[in-house]
Amino acid sequence: MNHAILEPRLLKIANEIVEWAKNTLTAENPEVKRPYSNNQTVCPFVRESLDRNLFYQAFHPHIGADATAIERIVLGYVEEFKRLQPFDPHMRFKKALIIVFPDIPETQVNVLDLVHESTKTAYVQSGLMIGQFHRLPPDQPGLWNPDFRPLHSPVPMLVIRHMVPTDIPFLTSDSRYLDAYRRAFGAPDAPARSVTQ
């Protein structure tokens, strides 16, 4: 990952992403409709990532809607993510890596949907989750509300985090995903509803 100081344009985008995360992902939203918890934030993982300075960003400017080039870049982060602190088994679940492609044309940002589909197996088999975010937004509905589109973001990006036990609904569509889940957490406690992500 490139740790160089960001040029002003990218620094502005980085700050915009942090503000979006604070104001949207960590905000209570009645459209979430999570039935088992009073926590109705869009993403329950982001607050601690931000608070603990574990909300990493990596920028790839000047990459257009070239699915092959983006896929190659994204697959390179499977091992890179594992090298990011923290490594403690309990703390590592609090880190997130946002891979940002600021120069994909707005009308072509759904190329990230294709890249997500082509790289998900490699991530899941490594005990990780990957999700795509862009302005269109992606078609995937919220887990508990089919009318909610939580993957809308101001900039095209893919987000990586560690798999957690509650990810099982996102992993029922492929036996390889379920095998990876079982290796990490054992058999799920109950059959999960299937959600595409």
C-alpha atoms as a PDB file:
ATOM      1  CA  MET A   1       0.000   0.000   0.000  1.00  0.00           C
ATOM      2  CA  ASN A   2       1.232   3.470  -0.798  1.00  0.00           C
ATOM      3  CA  HIS A   3       1.816   5.451   2.413  1.00  0.00           C
ATOM      4  CA  ALA A   4       2.963   8.620   0.635  1.00  0.00           C
ATOM      5  CA  ILE A   5       1.436  11.976   1.538  1.00  0.00           C
ATOM      6  CA  LEU A   6      -1.693  12.505  -0.536  1.00  0.00           C
ATOM      7  CA  GLU A   7      -1.870  15.256  -3.105  1.00  0.00           C
ATOM      8  CA  PRO A   8      -4.434  17.965  -2.202  1.00  0.00           C
ATOM      9  CA  ARG A   9      -7.177  16.548  -4.446  1.00  0.00           C
ATOM     10  CA  LEU A  10      -6.913  13.094  -2.879  1.00  0.00           C
ATOM     11  CA  LEU A  11      -6.593  14.494   0.630  1.00  0.00           C
ATOM     12  CA  LYS A  12      -9.883  16.303   0.077  1.00  0.00           C
ATOM     13  CA  ILE A  13     -11.506  13.032  -1.052  1.00  0.00           C
ATOM     14  CA  ALA A  14     -10.042  11.194   1.947  1.00  0.00           C
ATOM     15  CA  ASN A  15     -11.588  13.742   4.287  1.00  0.00           C
ATOM     16  CA  GLU A  16     -14.884  13.499   2.423  1.00  0.00           C
ATOM     17  CA  ILE A  17     -14.876   9.728   2.924  1.00  0.00           C
ATOM     18  CA  VAL A  18     -14.244  10.106   6.651  1.00  0.00           C
ATOM     19  CA  GLU A  19     -17.098  12.618   6.933  1.00  0.00           C
ATOM     20  CA  TRP A  20     -19.389  10.288   4.963  1.00  0.00           C
ATOM     21  CA  ALA A  21     -18.450   7.431   7.297  1.00  0.00           C
ATOM     22  CA  LYS A  22     -19.145   9.551  10.369  1.00  0.00           C
ATOM     23  CA  ASN A  23     -22.368  11.130   9.145  1.00  0.00           C
ATOM     24  CA  THR A  24     -23.867   8.200   7.229  1.00  0.00           C
ATOM     25  CA  LEU A  25     -22.388   4.847   8.218  1.00  0.00           C
ATOM     26  CA  THR A  26     -22.296   5.487  11.962  1.00  0.00           C
ATOM     27  CA  ALA A  27     -25.597   7.372  12.051  1.00  0.00           C
ATOM     28  CA  GLU A  28     -28.822   5.864  13.325  1.00  0.00           C
ATOM     29  CA  ASN A  29     -31.107   5.258  10.347  1.00  0.00           C
ATOM     30  CA  PRO A  30     -34.716   4.035  10.693  1.00  0.00           C
ATOM     31  CA  GLU A  31     -34.418   2.361   7.270  1.00  0.00           C
ATOM     32  CA  VAL A  32     -31.951  -0.209   8.645  1.00  0.00           C
ATOM     33  CA  LYS A  33     -34.723  -2.065  10.552  1.00  0.00           C
ATOM     34  CA  ARG A  34     -32.347  -4.410  12.403  1.00  0.00           C
ATOM     35  CA  PRO A  35     -34.759  -6.526  14.481  1.00  0.00           C
ATOM     36  CA  TYR A  36     -32.407  -8.023  17.087  1.00  0.00           C
ATOM     37  CA  SER A  37     -30.778  -4.814  18.311  1.00  0.00           C
ATOM     38  CA  ASN A  38     -31.507  -1.225  19.253  1.00  0.00           C
ATOM     39  CA  ASN A  39     -28.444  -0.288  17.214  1.00  0.00           C
ATOM     40  CA  GLN A  40     -29.781   0.985  13.887  1.00  0.00           C
ATOM     41  CA  THR A  41     -26.528   2.418  12.553  1.00  0.00           C
ATOM     42  CA  VAL A  42     -25.912   1.617   8.891  1.00  0.00           C
ATOM     43  CA  CYS A  43     -22.669  -0.194   9.736  1.00  0.00           C
ATOM     44  CA  PRO A  44     -22.040  -1.206  13.352  1.00  0.00           C
ATOM     45  CA  PHE A  45     -18.299  -1.706  12.724  1.00  0.00           C
ATOM     46  CA  VAL A  46     -17.277   1.731  11.513  1.00  0.00           C
ATOM     47  CA  ARG A  47     -17.455   3.788  14.711  1.00  0.00           C
ATOM     48  CA  GLU A  48     -14.685   1.863  16.452  1.00  0.00           C
ATOM     49  CA  SER A  49     -12.593   1.780  13.288  1.00  0.00           C
ATOM     50  CA  LEU A  50     -12.739   5.570  13.180  1.00  0.00           C
ATOM     51  CA  ASP A  51     -12.296   6.096  16.921  1.00  0.00           C
ATOM     52  CA  ARG A  52      -9.267   3.779  17.086  1.00  0.00           C
ATOM     53  CA  ASN A  53      -7.658   5.148  13.913  1.00  0.00           C
ATOM     54  CA  LEU A  54      -8.080   1.803  12.142  1.00  0.00           C
ATOM     55  CA  PHE A  55      -9.985   3.213   9.165  1.00  0.00           C
ATOM     56  CA  TYR A  56      -7.328   2.826   6.485  1.00  0.00           C
ATOM     57  CA  GLN A  57      -7.610   4.289   2.989  1.00  0.00           C
ATOM     58  CA  ALA A  58      -5.656   3.404  -0.159  1.00  0.00           C
ATOM     59  CA  PHE A  59      -5.996   5.487  -3.309  1.00  0.00           C
ATOM     60  CA  HIS A  60      -5.691   4.427  -6.941  1.00  0.00           C
ATOM     61  CA  PRO A  61      -6.226   7.549  -9.048  1.00  0.00           C
ATOM     62  CA  HIS A  62      -6.094   7.567 -12.834  1.00  0.00           C
ATOM     63  CA  ILE A  63      -7.671   4.099 -12.999  1.00  0.00           C
ATOM     64  CA  GLY A  64     -10.750   4.184 -15.195  1.00  0.00           C
ATOM     65  CA  ALA A  65     -13.406   1.518 -15.644  1.00  0.00           C
ATOM     66  CA  ASP A  66     -10.910  -1.231 -16.483  1.00  0.00           C
ATOM     67  CA  ALA A  67     -12.247  -4.279 -14.653  1.00  0.00           C
ATOM     68  CA  THR A  68      -9.096  -6.325 -15.221  1.00  0.00           C
ATOM     69  CA  ALA A  69      -6.787  -3.630 -13.835  1.00  0.00           C
ATOM     70  CA  ILE A  70      -9.051  -2.989 -10.841  1.00  0.00           C
ATOM     71  CA  GLU A  71      -9.359  -6.705 -10.099  1.00  0.00           C
ATOM     72  CA  ARG A  72      -5.568  -7.094 -10.123  1.00  0.00           C
ATOM     73  CA  ILE A  73      -5.205  -4.188  -7.698  1.00  0.00           C
ATOM     74  CA  VAL A  74      -7.945  -5.439  -5.392  1.00  0.00           C
ATOM     75  CA  LEU A  75      -6.615  -8.993  -5.193  1.00  0.00           C
ATOM     76  CA  GLY A  76      -3.265  -7.571  -4.136  1.00  0.00           C
ATOM     77  CA  TYR A  77      -4.867  -6.307  -0.942  1.00  0.00           C
ATOM     78  CA  VAL A  78      -5.828  -9.738   0.426  1.00  0.00           C
ATOM     79  CA  GLU A  79      -2.400 -10.159   2.028  1.00  0.00           C
ATOM     80  CA  GLU A  80      -1.779  -6.427   2.423  1.00  0.00           C
ATOM     81  CA  PHE A  81      -4.835  -6.132   4.672  1.00  0.00           C
ATOM     82  CA  LYS A  82      -3.550  -8.888   6.929  1.00  0.00           C
ATOM     83  CA  ARG A  83      -0.300  -6.963   7.411  1.00  0.00           C
ATOM     84  CA  LEU A  84      -2.116  -3.914   8.767  1.00  0.00           C
ATOM     85  CA  GLN A  85      -2.264  -3.480  12.532  1.00  0.00           C
ATOM     86  CA  PRO A  86      -3.786  -4.546  14.829  1.00  0.00           C
ATOM     87  CA  PHE A  87      -3.038  -8.265  14.881  1.00  0.00           C
ATOM     88  CA  ASP A  88      -4.643  -9.139  18.215  1.00  0.00           C
ATOM     89  CA  PRO A  89      -7.459 -11.664  17.540  1.00  0.00           C
ATOM     90  CA  HIS A  90     -10.037  -9.436  19.255  1.00  0.00           C
ATOM     91  CA  MET A  91      -8.857  -6.068  17.987  1.00  0.00           C
ATOM     92  CA  ARG A  92      -8.258  -6.999  14.359  1.00  0.00           C
ATOM     93  CA  PHE A  93     -12.008  -7.082  13.715  1.00  0.00           C
ATOM     94  CA  LYS A  94     -12.086  -3.331  14.265  1.00  0.00           C
ATOM     95  CA  LYS A  95      -9.936  -2.439  11.244  1.00  0.00           C
ATOM     96  CA  ALA A  96     -11.227  -1.591   7.788  1.00  0.00           C
ATOM     97  CA  LEU A  97      -9.464  -0.803   4.536  1.00  0.00           C
ATOM     98  CA  ILE A  98     -11.114   1.410   1.929  1.00  0.00           C
ATOM     99  CA  ILE A  99      -9.698   1.024  -1.593  1.00  0.00           C
ATOM    100  CA  VAL A 100     -10.650   4.196  -3.456  1.00  0.00           C
ATOM    101  CA  PHE A 101     -10.888   4.617  -7.230  1.00  0.00           C
ATOM    102  CA  PRO A 102     -11.720   8.334  -7.526  1.00  0.00           C
ATOM    103  CA  ASP A 103     -11.335   8.563 -11.315  1.00  0.00           C
ATOM    104  CA  ILE A 104     -13.768   5.908 -12.484  1.00  0.00           C
ATOM    105  CA  PRO A 105     -16.300   7.843 -14.616  1.00  0.00           C
ATOM    106  CA  GLU A 106     -19.553   8.291 -12.758  1.00  0.00           C
ATOM    107  CA  THR A 107     -21.553   6.490 -15.447  1.00  0.00           C
ATOM    108  CA  GLN A 108     -19.261   3.445 -15.196  1.00  0.00           C
ATOM    109  CA  VAL A 109     -18.876   2.976 -11.445  1.00  0.00           C
ATOM    110  CA  ASN A 110     -20.841  -0.272 -11.598  1.00  0.00           C
ATOM    111  CA  VAL A 111     -17.605  -1.868 -12.822  1.00  0.00           C
ATOM    112  CA  LEU A 112     -17.000  -2.278  -9.081  1.00  0.00           C
ATOM    113  CA  ASP A 113     -20.012  -4.617  -8.925  1.00  0.00           C
ATOM    114  CA  LEU A 114     -18.241  -6.890 -11.423  1.00  0.00           C
ATOM    115  CA  VAL A 115     -14.944  -6.692  -9.536  1.00  0.00           C
ATOM    116  CA  HIS A 116     -16.696  -7.426  -6.266  1.00  0.00           C
ATOM    117  CA  GLU A 117     -18.220 -10.551  -7.763  1.00  0.00           C
ATOM    118  CA  SER A 118     -14.927 -11.742  -9.243  1.00  0.00           C
ATOM    119  CA  THR A 119     -12.854 -11.176  -6.090  1.00  0.00           C
ATOM    120  CA  LYS A 120     -15.269 -12.155  -3.312  1.00  0.00           C
ATOM    121  CA  THR A 121     -14.243 -15.821  -3.285  1.00  0.00           C
ATOM    122  CA  ALA A 122     -10.563 -14.985  -2.732  1.00  0.00           C
ATOM    123  CA  TYR A 123     -11.479 -12.682   0.134  1.00  0.00           C
ATOM    124  CA  VAL A 124     -13.954 -14.973   1.839  1.00  0.00           C
ATOM    125  CA  GLN A 125     -11.588 -17.935   1.616  1.00  0.00           C
ATOM    126  CA  SER A 126      -9.039 -15.747   3.425  1.00  0.00           C
ATOM    127  CA  GLY A 127     -11.506 -14.977   6.227  1.00  0.00           C
ATOM    128  CA  LEU A 128     -12.283 -11.502   4.905  1.00  0.00           C
ATOM    129  CA  MET A 129     -15.302  -9.658   3.554  1.00  0.00           C
ATOM    130  CA  ILE A 130     -15.325  -7.222   0.657  1.00  0.00           C
ATOM    131  CA  GLY A 131     -18.088  -4.819  -0.311  1.00  0.00           C
ATOM    132  CA  GLN A 132     -18.516  -2.333  -3.128  1.00  0.00           C
ATOM    133  CA  PHE A 133     -19.798   1.210  -2.706  1.00  0.00           C
ATOM    134  CA  HIS A 134     -20.589   3.853  -5.318  1.00  0.00           C
ATOM    135  CA  ARG A 135     -23.103   6.529  -6.310  1.00  0.00           C
ATOM    136  CA  LEU A 136     -25.529   4.529  -8.460  1.00  0.00           C
ATOM    137  CA  PRO A 137     -25.780   2.747  -5.843  1.00  0.00           C
ATOM    138  CA  PRO A 138     -25.199  -1.042  -6.008  1.00  0.00           C
ATOM    139  CA  ASP A 139     -28.342  -3.161  -6.269  1.00  0.00           C
ATOM    140  CA  GLN A 140     -27.829  -5.018  -2.998  1.00  0.00           C
ATOM    141  CA  PRO A 141     -30.562  -4.227  -0.464  1.00  0.00           C
ATOM    142  CA  GLY A 142     -30.142  -3.817   3.249  1.00  0.00           C
ATOM    143  CA  LEU A 143     -30.041  -7.040   5.228  1.00  0.00           C
ATOM    144  CA  TRP A 144     -33.333  -6.342   7.005  1.00  0.00           C
ATOM    145  CA  ASN A 145     -35.007  -3.908   4.612  1.00  0.00           C
ATOM    146  CA  PRO A 146     -35.235  -4.815   0.900  1.00  0.00           C
ATOM    147  CA  ASP A 147     -36.023  -1.186   0.011  1.00  0.00           C
ATOM    148  CA  PHE A 148     -32.900   0.238   1.639  1.00  0.00           C
ATOM    149  CA  ARG A 149     -29.696   0.696  -0.397  1.00  0.00           C
ATOM    150  CA  PRO A 150     -26.863   0.992   2.157  1.00  0.00           C
ATOM    151  CA  LEU A 151     -23.988   0.750  -0.336  1.00  0.00           C
ATOM    152  CA  HIS A 152     -24.356   4.293  -1.682  1.00  0.00           C
ATOM    153  CA  SER A 153     -21.202   6.376  -1.306  1.00  0.00           C
ATOM    154  CA  PRO A 154     -19.854   9.679  -2.655  1.00  0.00           C
ATOM    155  CA  VAL A 155     -16.762   8.046  -4.226  1.00  0.00           C
ATOM    156  CA  PRO A 156     -16.264   4.631  -5.918  1.00  0.00           C
ATOM    157  CA  MET A 157     -14.650   2.263  -3.439  1.00  0.00           C
ATOM    158  CA  LEU A 158     -14.270  -1.290  -2.235  1.00  0.00           C
ATOM    159  CA  VAL A 159     -14.136  -1.932   1.500  1.00  0.00           C
ATOM    160  CA  ILE A 160     -12.359  -4.801   3.258  1.00  0.00           C
ATOM    161  CA  ARG A 161     -12.806  -6.055   6.803  1.00  0.00           C
ATOM    162  CA  HIS A 162     -12.509  -9.309   8.705  1.00  0.00           C
ATOM    163  CA  MET A 163     -15.389 -11.762   8.546  1.00  0.00           C
ATOM    164  CA  VAL A 164     -17.538 -11.878  11.700  1.00  0.00           C
ATOM    165  CA  PRO A 165     -20.110 -14.463  12.871  1.00  0.00           C
ATOM    166  CA  THR A 166     -23.058 -12.285  11.826  1.00  0.00           C
ATOM    167  CA  ASP A 167     -21.894 -12.333   8.180  1.00  0.00           C
ATOM    168  CA  ILE A 168     -23.530 -15.709   7.552  1.00  0.00           C
ATOM    169  CA  PRO A 169     -26.490 -14.224   5.584  1.00  0.00           C
ATOM    170  CA  PHE A 170     -24.007 -12.913   3.003  1.00  0.00           C
ATOM    171  CA  LEU A 171     -22.353 -16.300   2.577  1.00  0.00           C
ATOM    172  CA  THR A 172     -25.145 -18.769   1.838  1.00  0.00           C
ATOM    173  CA  SER A 173     -25.022 -18.483  -1.952  1.00  0.00           C
ATOM    174  CA  ASP A 174     -21.850 -20.528  -2.432  1.00  0.00           C
ATOM    175  CA  SER A 175     -20.566 -23.653  -0.681  1.00  0.00           C
ATOM    176  CA  ARG A 176     -17.035 -22.225  -0.736  1.00  0.00           C
ATOM    177  CA  TYR A 177     -18.232 -19.259   1.318  1.00  0.00           C
ATOM    178  CA  LEU A 178     -19.922 -21.545   3.826  1.00  0.00           C
ATOM    179  CA  ASP A 179     -16.799 -23.690   4.109  1.00  0.00           C
ATOM    180  CA  ALA A 180     -14.752 -20.583   4.879  1.00  0.00           C
ATOM    181  CA  TYR A 181     -17.290 -19.510   7.486  1.00  0.00           C
ATOM    182  CA  ARG A 182     -17.211 -22.935   9.150  1.00  0.00           C
ATOM    183  CA  ARG A 183     -13.404 -22.861   9.273  1.00  0.00           C
ATOM    184  CA  ALA A 184     -13.555 -19.522  11.046  1.00  0.00           C
ATOM    185  CA  PHE A 185     -16.533 -19.960  13.356  1.00  0.00           C
ATOM    186  CA  GLY A 186     -17.851 -23.528  13.137  1.00  0.00           C
ATOM    187  CA  ALA A 187     -21.317 -24.423  11.924  1.00  0.00           C
ATOM    188  CA  PRO A 188     -23.847 -21.560  12.065  1.00  0.00           C
ATOM    189  CA  ASP A 189     -26.262 -21.774  14.986  1.00  0.00           C
ATOM    190  CA  ALA A 190     -29.323 -21.634  12.756  1.00  0.00           C
ATOM    191  CA  PRO A 191     -30.144 -21.541   9.043  1.00  0.00           C
ATOM    192  CA  ALA A 192     -29.541 -18.057   7.738  1.00  0.00           C
ATOM    193  CA  ARG A 193     -31.632 -16.095   5.325  1.00  0.00           C
ATOM    194  CA  SER A 194     -29.745 -15.585   2.112  1.00  0.00           C
ATOM    195  CA  VAL A 195     -28.671 -12.108   1.053  1.00  0.00           C
ATOM    196  CA  THR A 196     -26.510 -11.325  -1.927  1.00  0.00           C
ATOM    197  CA  GLN A 197     -23.469  -9.156  -1.223  1.00  0.00           C
END
